[in-house]
Amino acid sequence: MFASMLPTLRQLQYLKLLAEHASFSRAAEAAHVSQPALSAGVQELERILGAPVVERTRGNVQLTAVGAEAVRRAEDVLARTEDLVEAARSAGRPLSGRFRLGIIPTVAPFLLPATLPGLKSAYPGLRLFIREDLTPRLIAGLKAGQLDAAIIALPYDAPGIDHAHIGHDEILAVAPIGHVLAAPGAIGPGSLSSSELILLEDGHCLRDQALAAFDIDPPKGDDVFAATSLHTLVQMVGSGLGVSFLPEMAVRAGLADNPAVVTRHITPKGARAVPSREIVVAWRSGSSRAAEARLLAEAMAQD
């Protein structure tokens, strides 16, 4: 009797798809069911909850407050259910079958080529699906159950997310040849001015981590140069447009092998550590694939 009063996973999935697509027809298409079937499922969910979850207006679908909260909880339920299925399928065979891995753009081109061959050799049954994206969207993907794990850089505030260490990545200064900062030796604290900085676009965690590490306030105004990638950033520095930061893993991979640029270590300020970021494998707290995420971090360890 009690079980019949609970929403089904199918109903929760319908609501989640409706929230994503804001359309009954598109949600039904994504669920591979007819629109009347999806609509009936949502109506039954509303009957069980005792409140409307969507506002139906002409050509527009909006969640009610109850619907928004139901979606938030449904995402967690569906993610845990999918975890259960994947854990059962790979029981006794860690890192086998499908594994959806997110990774940030300032790590992907440098870490993956160095670690994927060994990972595939150690776990031949692993089918890795990789999604490159910015940290906020990767964290959202972990919480929504769209990703099993993600490689990100700390510090980054992400409640509800656990992580395992891959390695530390020093942040270096990069300047055009002939610039005062290009002189031999490490660069002292306070040598970098925000007025001549070239940074990655907003949304890249490396941008915020570098500025915080060097106690520099973000440049203001629309006339600040912003690069879409580290490769573009190096080209801009090499053209004499300013100075910037590069992660050590990018330098080791040859990104700064450009006669027009010079990289330099930064002397830490006072008792502070050398400016760096920590590369980690992150997963949703409580995920049944946490042990596999830890194995992934061990296989990719760089320290």
Protein backbone atom coordinates (compact mmCIF):
# COMPACT_ATOMS: atom_id res chain seq x y z
CA MET A 1 0.00 0.00 0.00
CA PHE A 2 2.73 2.46 1.00
CA ALA A 3 4.93 1.60 -2.01
CA SER A 4 2.11 2.56 -4.39
CA MET A 5 2.23 6.10 -2.98
CA LEU A 6 5.88 6.61 -3.94
CA PRO A 7 7.00 8.15 -7.25
CA THR A 8 8.54 5.72 -9.72
CA LEU A 9 12.02 6.20 -11.20
CA ARG A 10 10.34 6.63 -14.58
CA GLN A 11 8.24 9.52 -13.27
CA LEU A 12 11.29 11.17 -11.76
CA GLN A 13 13.14 10.76 -15.04
CA TYR A 14 10.23 12.37 -16.91
CA LEU A 15 10.34 15.36 -14.56
CA LYS A 16 14.11 15.69 -14.90
CA LEU A 17 13.88 15.66 -18.70
CA LEU A 18 11.03 18.16 -18.59
CA ALA A 19 13.18 20.49 -16.50
CA GLU A 20 16.07 20.12 -18.97
CA HIS A 21 14.06 20.64 -22.17
CA ALA A 22 11.24 22.94 -20.94
CA SER A 23 8.95 21.20 -23.44
CA PHE A 24 6.70 18.16 -23.17
CA SER A 25 7.37 17.15 -26.78
CA ARG A 26 11.17 17.41 -26.51
CA ALA A 27 11.20 15.69 -23.10
CA ALA A 28 9.07 12.85 -24.52
CA GLU A 29 11.44 12.50 -27.46
CA ALA A 30 14.44 12.31 -25.09
CA ALA A 31 12.62 9.69 -22.99
CA HIS A 32 11.68 7.69 -26.12
CA VAL A 33 7.98 7.73 -25.22
CA SER A 34 4.90 9.44 -26.62
CA GLN A 35 4.00 12.89 -25.36
CA PRO A 36 0.70 11.65 -23.83
CA ALA A 37 2.61 8.94 -21.94
CA LEU A 38 5.06 11.47 -20.51
CA SER A 39 2.27 13.89 -19.64
CA ALA A 40 0.34 11.13 -17.88
CA GLY A 41 3.44 10.18 -15.91
CA VAL A 42 3.96 13.77 -14.76
CA GLN A 43 0.28 14.08 -13.80
CA GLU A 44 0.53 10.89 -11.73
CA LEU A 45 3.64 12.29 -10.02
CA GLU A 46 1.70 15.44 -9.16
CA ARG A 47 -1.12 13.31 -7.73
CA ILE A 48 1.37 11.41 -5.54
CA LEU A 49 3.06 14.62 -4.34
CA GLY A 50 -0.22 16.41 -3.86
CA ALA A 51 0.97 19.53 -5.67
CA PRO A 52 1.65 20.69 -9.24
CA VAL A 53 5.27 20.37 -10.36
CA VAL A 54 4.98 22.37 -13.60
CA GLU A 55 3.06 25.40 -14.78
CA ARG A 56 1.57 24.73 -18.20
CA THR A 57 1.22 27.87 -20.29
CA ARG A 58 0.97 28.22 -24.03
CA GLY A 59 4.33 27.28 -25.57
CA ASN A 60 6.10 27.41 -22.23
CA VAL A 61 6.75 24.98 -19.36
CA GLN A 62 8.04 26.23 -16.02
CA LEU A 63 8.71 24.34 -12.80
CA THR A 64 6.83 25.28 -9.67
CA ALA A 65 8.72 25.61 -6.40
CA VAL A 66 7.67 22.04 -5.56
CA GLY A 67 8.81 20.92 -9.01
CA ALA A 68 12.22 22.56 -8.69
CA GLU A 69 12.81 20.87 -5.34
CA ALA A 70 11.55 17.56 -6.74
CA VAL A 71 14.02 17.83 -9.65
CA ARG A 72 16.90 18.52 -7.28
CA ARG A 73 16.08 15.43 -5.24
CA ALA A 74 15.25 13.35 -8.32
CA GLU A 75 18.71 14.00 -9.77
CA ASP A 76 20.28 12.54 -6.65
CA VAL A 77 17.95 9.52 -6.63
CA LEU A 78 18.55 8.81 -10.33
CA ALA A 79 22.32 9.24 -9.96
CA ARG A 80 22.43 6.80 -7.05
CA THR A 81 20.29 4.32 -8.98
CA GLU A 82 22.60 4.49 -11.95
CA ASP A 83 25.55 4.05 -9.58
CA LEU A 84 23.89 0.89 -8.31
CA VAL A 85 23.51 -0.54 -11.82
CA GLU A 86 27.10 0.30 -12.80
CA ALA A 87 28.48 -1.08 -9.54
CA ALA A 88 26.58 -4.35 -10.04
CA ARG A 89 27.82 -4.68 -13.62
CA SER A 90 31.45 -4.11 -12.67
CA ALA A 91 31.41 -6.02 -9.36
CA GLY A 92 34.80 -7.64 -8.90
CA ARG A 93 36.11 -5.92 -12.03
CA PRO A 94 37.17 -2.38 -11.07
CA LEU A 95 37.49 0.18 -13.84
CA SER A 96 35.77 -1.98 -16.41
CA GLY A 97 32.87 -1.08 -18.66
CA ARG A 98 31.67 2.47 -19.18
CA PHE A 99 33.26 5.24 -17.13
CA ARG A 100 32.31 8.85 -17.82
CA LEU A 101 35.19 11.18 -16.99
CA GLY A 102 35.16 14.96 -17.09
CA ILE A 103 38.36 17.02 -17.25
CA ILE A 104 39.18 20.72 -17.34
CA PRO A 105 40.77 22.23 -20.50
CA THR A 106 43.92 23.42 -18.72
CA VAL A 107 44.75 19.82 -17.75
CA ALA A 108 43.30 17.61 -20.52
CA PRO A 109 45.90 18.12 -23.31
CA PHE A 110 48.83 17.61 -20.94
CA LEU A 111 47.73 14.88 -18.52
CA LEU A 112 45.74 12.58 -20.80
CA PRO A 113 48.43 11.80 -23.41
CA ALA A 114 50.87 10.97 -20.59
CA THR A 115 48.52 8.71 -18.65
CA LEU A 116 45.90 7.13 -20.93
CA PRO A 117 48.20 4.51 -22.54
CA GLY A 118 49.19 3.12 -19.12
CA LEU A 119 45.59 3.29 -17.90
CA LYS A 120 44.31 1.30 -20.88
CA SER A 121 47.07 -1.25 -20.40
CA ALA A 122 46.30 -1.69 -16.71
CA TYR A 123 42.51 -1.81 -17.23
CA PRO A 124 41.85 -3.23 -20.73
CA GLY A 125 38.11 -3.59 -20.05
CA LEU A 126 37.71 0.14 -19.36
CA ARG A 127 35.57 2.11 -21.81
CA LEU A 128 36.39 5.72 -21.06
CA PHE A 129 34.05 8.49 -22.23
CA ILE A 130 35.77 11.86 -21.80
CA ARG A 131 34.07 15.26 -21.58
CA GLU A 132 36.19 18.41 -21.48
CA ASP A 133 34.53 21.37 -19.78
CA LEU A 134 34.97 24.11 -17.18
CA THR A 135 34.93 23.17 -13.50
CA PRO A 136 31.45 24.49 -12.56
CA ARG A 137 29.78 22.44 -15.29
CA LEU A 138 31.81 19.34 -14.43
CA ILE A 139 30.77 19.62 -10.77
CA ALA A 140 27.14 20.00 -11.87
CA GLY A 141 27.58 16.91 -14.06
CA LEU A 142 28.91 14.90 -11.11
CA LYS A 143 25.99 15.90 -8.89
CA ALA A 144 23.44 15.18 -11.61
CA GLY A 145 24.88 11.72 -12.25
CA GLN A 146 25.99 12.62 -15.78
CA LEU A 147 29.65 11.96 -14.91
CA ASP A 148 31.27 9.25 -12.79
CA ALA A 149 34.34 11.36 -11.96
CA ALA A 150 36.10 14.54 -13.05
CA ILE A 151 39.69 15.73 -13.08
CA ILE A 152 39.77 19.26 -11.70
CA ALA A 153 42.23 21.60 -9.99
CA LEU A 154 42.08 22.74 -6.38
CA PRO A 155 41.54 25.01 -4.57
CA TYR A 156 37.87 25.00 -5.61
CA ASP A 157 34.89 25.13 -3.27
CA ALA A 158 32.62 22.19 -4.11
CA PRO A 159 30.41 20.90 -1.26
CA GLY A 160 29.21 17.34 -1.68
CA ILE A 161 32.27 16.37 -3.71
CA ASP A 162 35.13 14.09 -2.58
CA HIS A 163 38.51 13.82 -4.29
CA ALA A 164 41.79 11.92 -4.53
CA HIS A 165 45.19 13.42 -5.28
CA ILE A 166 46.90 13.11 -8.69
CA GLY A 167 49.69 15.66 -8.31
CA HIS A 168 50.76 19.23 -7.62
CA ASP A 169 51.24 21.58 -10.55
CA GLU A 170 53.39 24.66 -10.04
CA ILE A 171 52.14 27.90 -11.58
CA LEU A 172 54.87 29.72 -13.53
CA ALA A 173 55.12 33.21 -14.97
CA VAL A 174 55.49 33.61 -18.74
CA ALA A 175 56.76 36.79 -20.39
CA PRO A 176 57.84 37.90 -23.85
CA ILE A 177 61.55 37.76 -24.65
CA GLY A 178 63.19 41.07 -23.80
CA HIS A 179 60.67 41.88 -21.07
CA VAL A 180 62.10 42.85 -17.67
CA LEU A 181 60.56 39.69 -16.17
CA ALA A 182 62.34 37.56 -18.76
CA ALA A 183 65.72 38.15 -17.09
CA PRO A 184 67.38 35.00 -15.66
CA GLY A 185 66.32 33.84 -12.21
CA ALA A 186 63.08 33.54 -10.31
CA ILE A 187 60.59 36.40 -10.18
CA GLY A 188 60.07 38.02 -6.80
CA PRO A 189 56.64 38.66 -5.26
CA GLY A 190 55.00 41.89 -6.34
CA SER A 191 56.75 41.92 -9.73
CA LEU A 192 53.60 41.17 -11.69
CA SER A 193 51.23 44.03 -12.41
CA SER A 194 47.56 43.50 -13.19
CA SER A 195 47.78 46.24 -15.81
CA GLU A 196 49.85 44.08 -18.18
CA LEU A 197 48.33 40.68 -17.45
CA ILE A 198 46.84 38.44 -20.11
CA LEU A 199 44.49 35.90 -18.55
CA LEU A 200 42.22 33.09 -19.58
CA GLU A 201 38.58 34.00 -19.99
CA ASP A 202 36.30 34.06 -16.95
CA GLY A 203 35.24 30.57 -15.88
CA HIS A 204 38.69 28.98 -16.03
CA CYS A 205 39.72 28.08 -12.48
CA LEU A 206 43.43 28.54 -13.36
CA ARG A 207 42.74 32.25 -13.84
CA ASP A 208 41.38 32.66 -10.31
CA GLN A 209 43.97 30.32 -8.75
CA ALA A 210 46.88 32.23 -10.31
CA LEU A 211 45.57 35.62 -9.24
CA ALA A 212 44.92 34.38 -5.71
CA ALA A 213 48.35 32.77 -5.48
CA PHE A 214 50.04 36.06 -6.33
CA ASP A 215 47.67 38.36 -4.40
CA ILE A 216 46.70 40.20 -7.57
CA ASP A 217 43.28 41.77 -7.96
CA PRO A 218 41.57 40.79 -11.23
CA PRO A 219 42.01 43.42 -13.96
CA LYS A 220 38.92 45.53 -14.56
CA GLY A 221 37.46 46.93 -17.75
CA ASP A 222 36.71 45.70 -21.24
CA ASP A 223 40.18 46.50 -22.56
CA VAL A 224 41.80 43.54 -20.78
CA PHE A 225 43.14 40.84 -23.09
CA ALA A 226 41.52 37.47 -22.44
CA ALA A 227 42.59 34.19 -24.06
CA THR A 228 40.28 31.28 -24.85
CA SER A 229 42.99 28.65 -24.29
CA LEU A 230 46.53 28.27 -22.99
CA HIS A 231 47.80 27.92 -26.56
CA THR A 232 46.23 31.27 -27.50
CA LEU A 233 47.59 32.79 -24.29
CA VAL A 234 51.18 31.81 -25.20
CA GLN A 235 50.75 33.29 -28.68
CA MET A 236 49.50 36.56 -27.19
CA VAL A 237 52.42 36.74 -24.76
CA GLY A 238 54.85 35.93 -27.57
CA SER A 239 53.40 38.84 -29.56
CA GLY A 240 54.39 41.19 -26.74
CA LEU A 241 50.86 41.93 -25.56
CA GLY A 242 51.65 41.26 -21.90
CA VAL A 243 52.68 38.66 -19.33
CA SER A 244 50.76 35.75 -17.87
CA PHE A 245 50.84 32.40 -16.02
CA LEU A 246 51.25 28.84 -17.21
CA PRO A 247 50.85 25.55 -15.33
CA GLU A 248 54.08 23.56 -15.12
CA MET A 249 52.48 20.54 -16.81
CA ALA A 250 51.83 22.66 -19.91
CA VAL A 251 55.44 23.83 -19.95
CA ARG A 252 56.70 20.24 -19.58
CA ALA A 253 54.48 19.26 -22.50
CA GLY A 254 56.21 21.84 -24.69
CA LEU A 255 53.54 24.56 -24.82
CA ALA A 256 56.12 27.26 -24.03
CA ASP A 257 58.65 25.98 -26.59
CA ASN A 258 58.40 29.30 -28.38
CA PRO A 259 61.48 31.48 -28.98
CA ALA A 260 59.37 34.57 -28.31
CA VAL A 261 58.50 33.66 -24.68
CA VAL A 262 60.33 32.87 -21.43
CA THR A 263 58.96 31.05 -18.37
CA ARG A 264 60.14 31.82 -14.85
CA HIS A 265 59.52 30.37 -11.38
CA ILE A 266 57.93 32.69 -8.81
CA THR A 267 59.63 33.21 -5.46
CA PRO A 268 57.00 32.59 -2.77
CA LYS A 269 56.04 35.49 -0.53
CA GLY A 270 57.19 35.10 3.08
CA ALA A 271 56.54 31.61 4.43
CA ARG A 272 54.01 30.78 1.73
CA ALA A 273 54.47 27.73 -0.47
CA VAL A 274 55.42 27.96 -4.13
CA PRO A 275 52.27 28.97 -6.04
CA SER A 276 50.64 25.82 -7.37
CA ARG A 277 47.36 24.02 -7.92
CA GLU A 278 46.47 20.49 -6.88
CA ILE A 279 45.20 18.18 -9.62
CA VAL A 280 42.64 15.69 -8.32
CA VAL A 281 40.05 13.16 -9.40
CA ALA A 282 36.70 14.28 -7.94
CA TRP A 283 33.42 12.39 -7.53
CA ARG A 284 30.04 12.87 -5.90
CA SER A 285 30.07 12.05 -2.19
CA GLY A 286 28.42 8.68 -1.68
CA SER A 287 29.01 7.49 -5.24
CA SER A 288 29.38 3.72 -5.56
CA ARG A 289 32.21 4.38 -8.02
CA ALA A 290 34.35 6.20 -5.44
CA ALA A 291 36.79 3.26 -5.16
CA GLU A 292 37.23 3.26 -8.94
CA ALA A 293 37.80 7.01 -8.95
CA ARG A 294 40.56 6.49 -6.37
CA LEU A 295 42.11 3.80 -8.57
CA LEU A 296 41.99 6.23 -11.47
CA ALA A 297 43.84 8.84 -9.42
CA GLU A 298 46.51 6.28 -8.46
CA ALA A 299 46.95 5.26 -12.09
CA MET A 300 47.36 8.91 -13.13
CA ALA A 301 49.53 9.98 -10.18
CA GLN A 302 52.19 12.51 -11.18
CA ASP A 303 54.04 13.28 -7.91
